[in-house]
Amino acid sequence: MRKRLLFIMLIAVFIPCFANVYRAEARGAPPVNLNLIPTAETLGKGGYSLSVGMFPYDLTKASTEPKLINIGGFFKEPHDVKFETDIWLVPSRITFGISDNFDLTFGGTYSAGDTEKTINDYYETGDESKKRVYSQVVLEGILGMKYHIQQSSLKMPALAVGGEFQMGYTTDDEFVDDTLEDSFPFVAMQIYMSGSYDFEAASLHGGLGMYLSSKSIQSDRRFDVPIQVGAEVPFDGFAAVVDIALFNAFSGIGLENIVSAGLRYNISSRVTLNASVASAGGFLVRLTVGGQKAQVSAPPSSAPTLF
């Protein structure tokens, strides 16, 4: 954890220093999202954003001791359990600007590939080669919102609060489901606060939140704390974008320590196209059309400080 915080602090110090010596002209619309993390900006009334990505996830795990498996809802028997998944997660989102300060997001995460839970010696004949394999669906739907609560000023960053409600089917890699259902249902909630500060030639973004799911409760895990930070440096109608998410969940699967980098192209003053790749593998593409919203100019370069 100390190494993570040190890395984040180095980035937070480097970007503002770089912003003081770099000069950029075309900035385009303020970024509502970087690659994987939200900023404190909103789309504006009538704006919208479409995104789609693909990220690989594979895991093989076996129980260290026999698990009690519910047989027909009448009794339980101890069995060795094995879990295997080799899938591509496909998150798709559409966000609408309901008002100047309020965005609403709909979407889901689909999966392509195989996820299976195997029960060894199901008929208790003593033959471990006799197995029953249950395919599991990995799928979710989401409903999210973001509210812009504060514009940036000379000494204060822009701030926004947001949240997501997620529901669907996830992976039983914690072996907390003792039934023989083909899928493992879950519900989850994430809340966060994000901040953005626009320097003369670059913008810095960060966020802190809390993620809690029914899966984590069943497995006696504490809630996860998504910490994220990123920066955008514009140049000649483009922008170099990098962000770091210490935790990001898709379909109840928590991906950790994801670094993503990409380019943002200003098609016009209101329309941008963003493409990025991630350290976890995969990519994300986003098209954003900003609404009719008054733009706030960046603070003067003479005082590029958050404090």
Protein backbone atom coordinates (compact mmCIF):
# COMPACT_ATOMS: atom_id res chain seq x y z
CA MET A 1 0.00 0.00 0.00
CA ARG A 2 2.86 2.40 0.77
CA LYS A 3 4.30 1.81 -2.72
CA ARG A 4 0.91 2.55 -4.29
CA LEU A 5 0.49 5.81 -2.38
CA LEU A 6 4.05 6.87 -3.19
CA PHE A 7 3.44 6.22 -6.89
CA ILE A 8 0.23 8.28 -6.82
CA MET A 9 1.99 11.14 -5.00
CA LEU A 10 4.77 11.20 -7.58
CA ILE A 11 2.23 11.50 -10.40
CA ALA A 12 0.32 14.21 -8.53
CA VAL A 13 3.52 16.23 -8.15
CA PHE A 14 4.84 15.62 -11.68
CA ILE A 15 1.77 16.66 -13.65
CA PRO A 16 1.39 20.17 -12.12
CA CYS A 17 5.11 20.84 -12.59
CA PHE A 18 4.89 19.76 -16.20
CA ALA A 19 1.84 21.95 -16.69
CA ASN A 20 3.82 25.06 -15.77
CA VAL A 21 6.29 24.68 -18.62
CA TYR A 22 4.08 23.16 -21.32
CA ARG A 23 1.85 25.31 -23.53
CA ALA A 24 -1.21 23.92 -25.34
CA GLU A 25 -3.86 25.65 -27.39
CA ALA A 26 -6.90 23.56 -28.38
CA ARG A 27 -8.47 21.93 -25.32
CA GLY A 28 -11.91 20.90 -26.51
CA ALA A 29 -14.72 20.05 -24.08
CA PRO A 30 -13.81 19.22 -20.46
CA PRO A 31 -13.42 15.42 -20.05
CA VAL A 32 -16.36 13.73 -18.33
CA ASN A 33 -14.30 10.52 -18.06
CA LEU A 34 -10.64 9.80 -18.62
CA ASN A 35 -10.08 6.21 -19.67
CA LEU A 36 -11.55 4.15 -16.83
CA ILE A 37 -12.21 6.76 -14.15
CA PRO A 38 -14.84 9.53 -13.88
CA THR A 39 -13.87 13.18 -13.53
CA ALA A 40 -15.79 15.90 -11.71
CA GLU A 41 -17.20 17.22 -15.00
CA THR A 42 -20.69 16.55 -16.36
CA LEU A 43 -21.97 16.45 -19.93
CA GLY A 44 -24.35 19.37 -19.78
CA LYS A 45 -28.02 19.29 -20.69
CA GLY A 46 -28.62 17.33 -23.90
CA GLY A 47 -25.15 15.78 -24.02
CA TYR A 48 -24.48 12.07 -24.24
CA SER A 49 -21.61 9.60 -24.14
CA LEU A 50 -21.29 6.08 -25.55
CA SER A 51 -18.55 3.66 -24.48
CA VAL A 52 -17.63 0.01 -25.02
CA GLY A 53 -14.62 -2.01 -23.93
CA MET A 54 -13.19 -5.52 -23.65
CA PHE A 55 -11.09 -6.83 -20.76
CA PRO A 56 -9.85 -10.42 -20.24
CA TYR A 57 -10.38 -12.30 -17.00
CA ASP A 58 -9.25 -15.85 -16.22
CA LEU A 59 -9.00 -17.72 -12.93
CA THR A 60 -8.72 -21.32 -11.77
CA LYS A 61 -9.39 -22.07 -8.12
CA ALA A 62 -10.07 -25.22 -6.08
CA SER A 63 -11.49 -25.52 -2.57
CA THR A 64 -8.87 -26.27 0.09
CA GLU A 65 -11.36 -28.42 1.98
CA PRO A 66 -14.69 -30.06 1.08
CA LYS A 67 -17.63 -27.69 0.84
CA LEU A 68 -21.16 -28.51 1.95
CA ILE A 69 -23.26 -28.65 -1.22
CA ASN A 70 -27.02 -28.32 -1.08
CA ILE A 71 -28.54 -31.42 -2.71
CA GLY A 72 -32.06 -30.86 -3.95
CA GLY A 73 -32.85 -28.48 -1.12
CA PHE A 74 -33.20 -31.38 1.34
CA PHE A 75 -29.70 -32.02 2.73
CA LYS A 76 -26.03 -31.07 2.28
CA GLU A 77 -23.05 -33.23 1.39
CA PRO A 78 -19.32 -32.39 1.51
CA HIS A 79 -17.67 -32.23 -1.92
CA ASP A 80 -14.51 -30.84 -3.43
CA VAL A 81 -15.33 -27.87 -5.65
CA LYS A 82 -13.36 -26.37 -8.51
CA PHE A 83 -13.96 -23.06 -10.25
CA GLU A 84 -12.66 -22.09 -13.72
CA THR A 85 -13.28 -19.02 -15.85
CA ASP A 86 -11.74 -17.74 -19.07
CA ILE A 87 -13.82 -14.85 -20.35
CA TRP A 88 -13.78 -11.40 -21.90
CA LEU A 89 -15.73 -8.78 -19.99
CA VAL A 90 -17.53 -6.35 -22.31
CA PRO A 91 -18.72 -3.24 -20.43
CA SER A 92 -21.07 -1.00 -22.43
CA ARG A 93 -22.38 2.33 -21.13
CA ILE A 94 -24.55 5.21 -22.33
CA THR A 95 -24.69 8.44 -20.32
CA PHE A 96 -27.13 11.32 -20.76
CA GLY A 97 -26.82 14.89 -19.54
CA ILE A 98 -30.15 15.44 -17.78
CA SER A 99 -29.19 18.96 -16.67
CA ASP A 100 -26.05 21.09 -16.57
CA ASN A 101 -24.95 19.40 -13.33
CA PHE A 102 -26.60 15.96 -13.45
CA ASP A 103 -25.70 12.90 -15.58
CA LEU A 104 -27.54 9.58 -15.70
CA THR A 105 -25.89 6.36 -16.87
CA PHE A 106 -27.42 3.11 -18.14
CA GLY A 107 -25.59 0.02 -19.32
CA GLY A 108 -24.35 -3.43 -18.60
CA THR A 109 -21.39 -5.77 -18.71
CA TYR A 110 -21.60 -8.85 -20.87
CA SER A 111 -19.15 -11.72 -21.08
CA ALA A 112 -17.83 -13.99 -23.81
CA GLY A 113 -16.20 -17.28 -22.89
CA ASP A 114 -16.69 -20.07 -20.34
CA THR A 115 -17.22 -19.97 -16.58
CA GLU A 116 -17.76 -23.31 -14.83
CA LYS A 117 -18.13 -24.71 -11.32
CA THR A 118 -17.25 -28.40 -10.96
CA ILE A 119 -18.48 -30.73 -8.19
CA ASN A 120 -16.22 -33.77 -7.75
CA ASP A 121 -17.70 -37.21 -6.99
CA TYR A 122 -21.23 -35.83 -7.00
CA TYR A 123 -22.82 -39.30 -6.65
CA GLU A 124 -20.39 -40.27 -3.84
CA THR A 125 -19.17 -43.44 -5.52
CA GLY A 126 -15.57 -42.81 -4.49
CA ASP A 127 -14.57 -42.10 -8.07
CA GLU A 128 -13.16 -38.54 -8.22
CA SER A 129 -13.22 -38.65 -12.01
CA LYS A 130 -17.01 -38.57 -11.93
CA LYS A 131 -17.89 -34.89 -11.93
CA ARG A 132 -20.82 -32.60 -12.49
CA VAL A 133 -20.05 -29.34 -14.26
CA TYR A 134 -22.30 -26.29 -14.00
CA SER A 135 -21.92 -23.40 -16.43
CA GLN A 136 -22.29 -19.93 -14.95
CA VAL A 137 -23.50 -16.79 -16.67
CA VAL A 138 -21.51 -13.60 -15.99
CA LEU A 139 -23.71 -10.59 -16.69
CA GLU A 140 -24.80 -7.32 -15.08
CA GLY A 141 -26.97 -4.27 -15.59
CA ILE A 142 -26.13 -0.91 -14.07
CA LEU A 143 -27.81 2.37 -13.22
CA GLY A 144 -25.53 5.27 -12.31
CA MET A 145 -25.55 8.99 -11.66
CA LYS A 146 -23.12 11.87 -11.18
CA TYR A 147 -23.85 15.29 -9.72
CA HIS A 148 -21.50 18.25 -10.11
CA ILE A 149 -21.48 20.07 -6.77
CA GLN A 150 -18.68 22.63 -7.16
CA GLN A 151 -16.99 24.52 -9.96
CA SER A 152 -13.22 24.89 -9.87
CA SER A 153 -11.74 28.10 -8.49
CA LEU A 154 -8.28 29.50 -7.98
CA LYS A 155 -7.66 27.39 -4.88
CA MET A 156 -10.32 24.68 -5.07
CA PRO A 157 -10.87 21.85 -7.58
CA ALA A 158 -14.20 21.02 -9.18
CA LEU A 159 -16.05 18.35 -7.20
CA ALA A 160 -18.74 15.80 -8.02
CA VAL A 161 -20.44 12.93 -6.23
CA GLY A 162 -21.76 9.83 -7.93
CA GLY A 163 -22.83 6.27 -7.55
CA GLU A 164 -23.77 3.09 -9.36
CA PHE A 165 -26.24 0.32 -8.63
CA GLN A 166 -25.25 -3.02 -10.17
CA MET A 167 -27.24 -6.24 -10.38
CA GLY A 168 -26.79 -9.50 -12.27
CA TYR A 169 -24.75 -12.71 -12.16
CA THR A 170 -21.13 -12.97 -11.10
CA THR A 171 -18.49 -15.65 -10.51
CA ASP A 172 -18.57 -17.89 -7.44
CA ASP A 173 -14.78 -17.86 -7.01
CA GLU A 174 -15.17 -17.51 -3.21
CA PHE A 175 -17.28 -20.72 -3.00
CA VAL A 176 -20.04 -19.04 -1.03
CA ASP A 177 -22.91 -20.44 -3.08
CA ASP A 178 -23.81 -23.93 -1.81
CA THR A 179 -26.64 -24.51 -4.29
CA LEU A 180 -26.38 -26.16 -7.67
CA GLU A 181 -27.78 -23.22 -9.59
CA ASP A 182 -26.22 -22.50 -12.97
CA SER A 183 -25.46 -18.89 -12.02
CA PHE A 184 -24.57 -16.85 -8.94
CA PRO A 185 -26.76 -13.70 -8.52
CA PHE A 186 -25.40 -10.55 -6.90
CA VAL A 187 -26.26 -6.93 -6.19
CA ALA A 188 -23.71 -4.17 -5.55
CA MET A 189 -23.48 -0.47 -4.83
CA GLN A 190 -20.64 1.96 -5.44
CA ILE A 191 -20.47 5.56 -4.27
CA TYR A 192 -17.63 7.99 -4.93
CA MET A 193 -16.44 11.58 -4.88
CA SER A 194 -14.25 12.87 -7.68
CA GLY A 195 -12.22 16.05 -8.04
CA SER A 196 -10.74 17.83 -11.07
CA TYR A 197 -8.32 20.74 -11.27
CA ASP A 198 -7.53 22.40 -14.59
CA PHE A 199 -4.03 23.84 -14.85
CA GLU A 200 -2.95 26.03 -17.75
CA ALA A 201 -1.88 23.16 -19.98
CA ALA A 202 -3.02 19.99 -18.21
CA SER A 203 -5.77 18.72 -15.94
CA LEU A 204 -5.46 16.47 -12.91
CA HIS A 205 -8.25 14.20 -11.66
CA GLY A 206 -8.72 11.93 -8.67
CA GLY A 207 -11.40 10.08 -6.77
CA LEU A 208 -12.22 8.06 -3.68
CA GLY A 209 -15.17 5.75 -3.13
CA MET A 210 -16.62 2.66 -1.52
CA TYR A 211 -17.81 -0.54 -3.21
CA LEU A 212 -19.95 -3.15 -1.46
CA SER A 213 -21.57 -6.25 -2.99
CA SER A 214 -23.68 -9.14 -1.73
CA LYS A 215 -20.84 -11.44 -2.77
CA SER A 216 -18.37 -9.70 -0.44
CA ILE A 217 -20.88 -9.83 2.43
CA GLN A 218 -21.42 -13.57 1.94
CA SER A 219 -17.68 -14.21 1.90
CA ASP A 220 -17.09 -12.07 5.04
CA ARG A 221 -14.92 -9.59 3.14
CA ARG A 222 -14.89 -5.91 3.96
CA PHE A 223 -15.98 -3.36 1.39
CA ASP A 224 -13.49 -2.30 -1.26
CA VAL A 225 -12.16 1.26 -1.55
CA PRO A 226 -11.75 2.40 -5.18
CA ILE A 227 -8.89 4.94 -5.27
CA GLN A 228 -8.16 6.49 -8.63
CA VAL A 229 -6.06 9.26 -10.13
CA GLY A 230 -5.34 10.44 -13.66
CA ALA A 231 -4.18 13.28 -15.88
CA GLU A 232 -4.85 14.74 -19.32
CA VAL A 233 -2.33 16.78 -21.32
CA PRO A 234 -3.78 18.35 -24.52
CA PHE A 235 -1.78 19.06 -27.69
CA ASP A 236 -2.84 20.09 -31.21
CA GLY A 237 -6.45 18.88 -30.97
CA PHE A 238 -5.44 15.68 -29.16
CA ALA A 239 -4.85 14.86 -25.51
CA ALA A 240 -2.64 12.24 -23.89
CA VAL A 241 -4.62 10.58 -21.10
CA VAL A 242 -3.43 8.24 -18.34
CA ASP A 243 -5.26 6.99 -15.26
CA ILE A 244 -4.76 4.50 -12.45
CA ALA A 245 -7.60 2.62 -10.74
CA LEU A 246 -6.62 0.57 -7.70
CA PHE A 247 -10.02 -1.17 -7.90
CA ASN A 248 -12.70 -1.36 -10.58
CA ALA A 249 -15.57 -3.86 -10.63
CA PHE A 250 -17.32 -5.32 -13.67
CA SER A 251 -20.11 -7.87 -13.13
CA GLY A 252 -19.06 -8.25 -9.51
CA ILE A 253 -15.47 -9.04 -10.51
CA GLY A 254 -12.98 -6.66 -8.93
CA LEU A 255 -10.04 -5.85 -11.22
CA GLU A 256 -7.15 -4.35 -9.26
CA ASN A 257 -4.27 -1.96 -10.02
CA ILE A 258 -5.29 -1.10 -13.57
CA VAL A 259 -3.19 1.45 -15.44
CA SER A 260 -4.75 2.68 -18.68
CA ALA A 261 -3.34 5.05 -21.28
CA GLY A 262 -4.72 6.46 -24.48
CA LEU A 263 -5.51 9.42 -26.72
CA ARG A 264 -8.46 11.76 -26.80
CA TYR A 265 -9.26 13.45 -30.13
CA ASN A 266 -11.31 16.65 -30.31
CA ILE A 267 -13.53 16.16 -33.37
CA SER A 268 -15.07 19.55 -32.59
CA SER A 269 -15.43 21.86 -29.60
CA ARG A 270 -18.20 19.59 -28.26
CA VAL A 271 -17.42 16.14 -29.72
CA THR A 272 -14.50 13.96 -28.61
CA LEU A 273 -13.34 10.40 -29.31
CA ASN A 274 -11.27 8.54 -26.72
CA ALA A 275 -9.40 5.24 -27.23
CA SER A 276 -7.24 3.56 -24.59
CA VAL A 277 -5.56 0.31 -23.61
CA ALA A 278 -5.20 -1.12 -20.10
CA SER A 279 -2.51 -2.98 -18.20
CA ALA A 280 -5.04 -5.73 -17.46
CA GLY A 281 -5.29 -6.27 -21.23
CA GLY A 282 -8.06 -5.10 -23.51
CA PHE A 283 -9.23 -1.68 -24.59
CA LEU A 284 -11.93 0.97 -24.22
CA VAL A 285 -13.46 3.32 -26.83
CA ARG A 286 -15.71 6.28 -25.96
CA LEU A 287 -17.56 8.89 -28.02
CA THR A 288 -18.70 11.98 -26.10
CA VAL A 289 -21.01 14.75 -27.31
CA GLY A 290 -21.23 17.61 -24.84
CA GLY A 291 -24.44 19.49 -24.19
CA GLN A 292 -25.06 23.20 -24.30
CA LYS A 293 -23.31 24.26 -21.13
CA ALA A 294 -21.39 27.35 -20.13
CA GLN A 295 -17.69 26.61 -20.00
CA VAL A 296 -15.59 27.77 -17.05
CA SER A 297 -12.15 29.07 -17.98
CA ALA A 298 -9.07 27.57 -16.38
CA PRO A 299 -7.58 29.31 -13.32
CA PRO A 300 -4.67 31.68 -14.06
CA SER A 301 -1.30 30.00 -14.37
CA SER A 302 0.17 32.31 -11.75
CA ALA A 303 -1.33 30.21 -8.98
CA PRO A 304 -1.50 26.54 -10.06
CA THR A 305 -2.15 25.13 -6.61
CA LEU A 306 -4.82 23.09 -4.94
CA PHE A 307 -4.26 24.72 -1.55
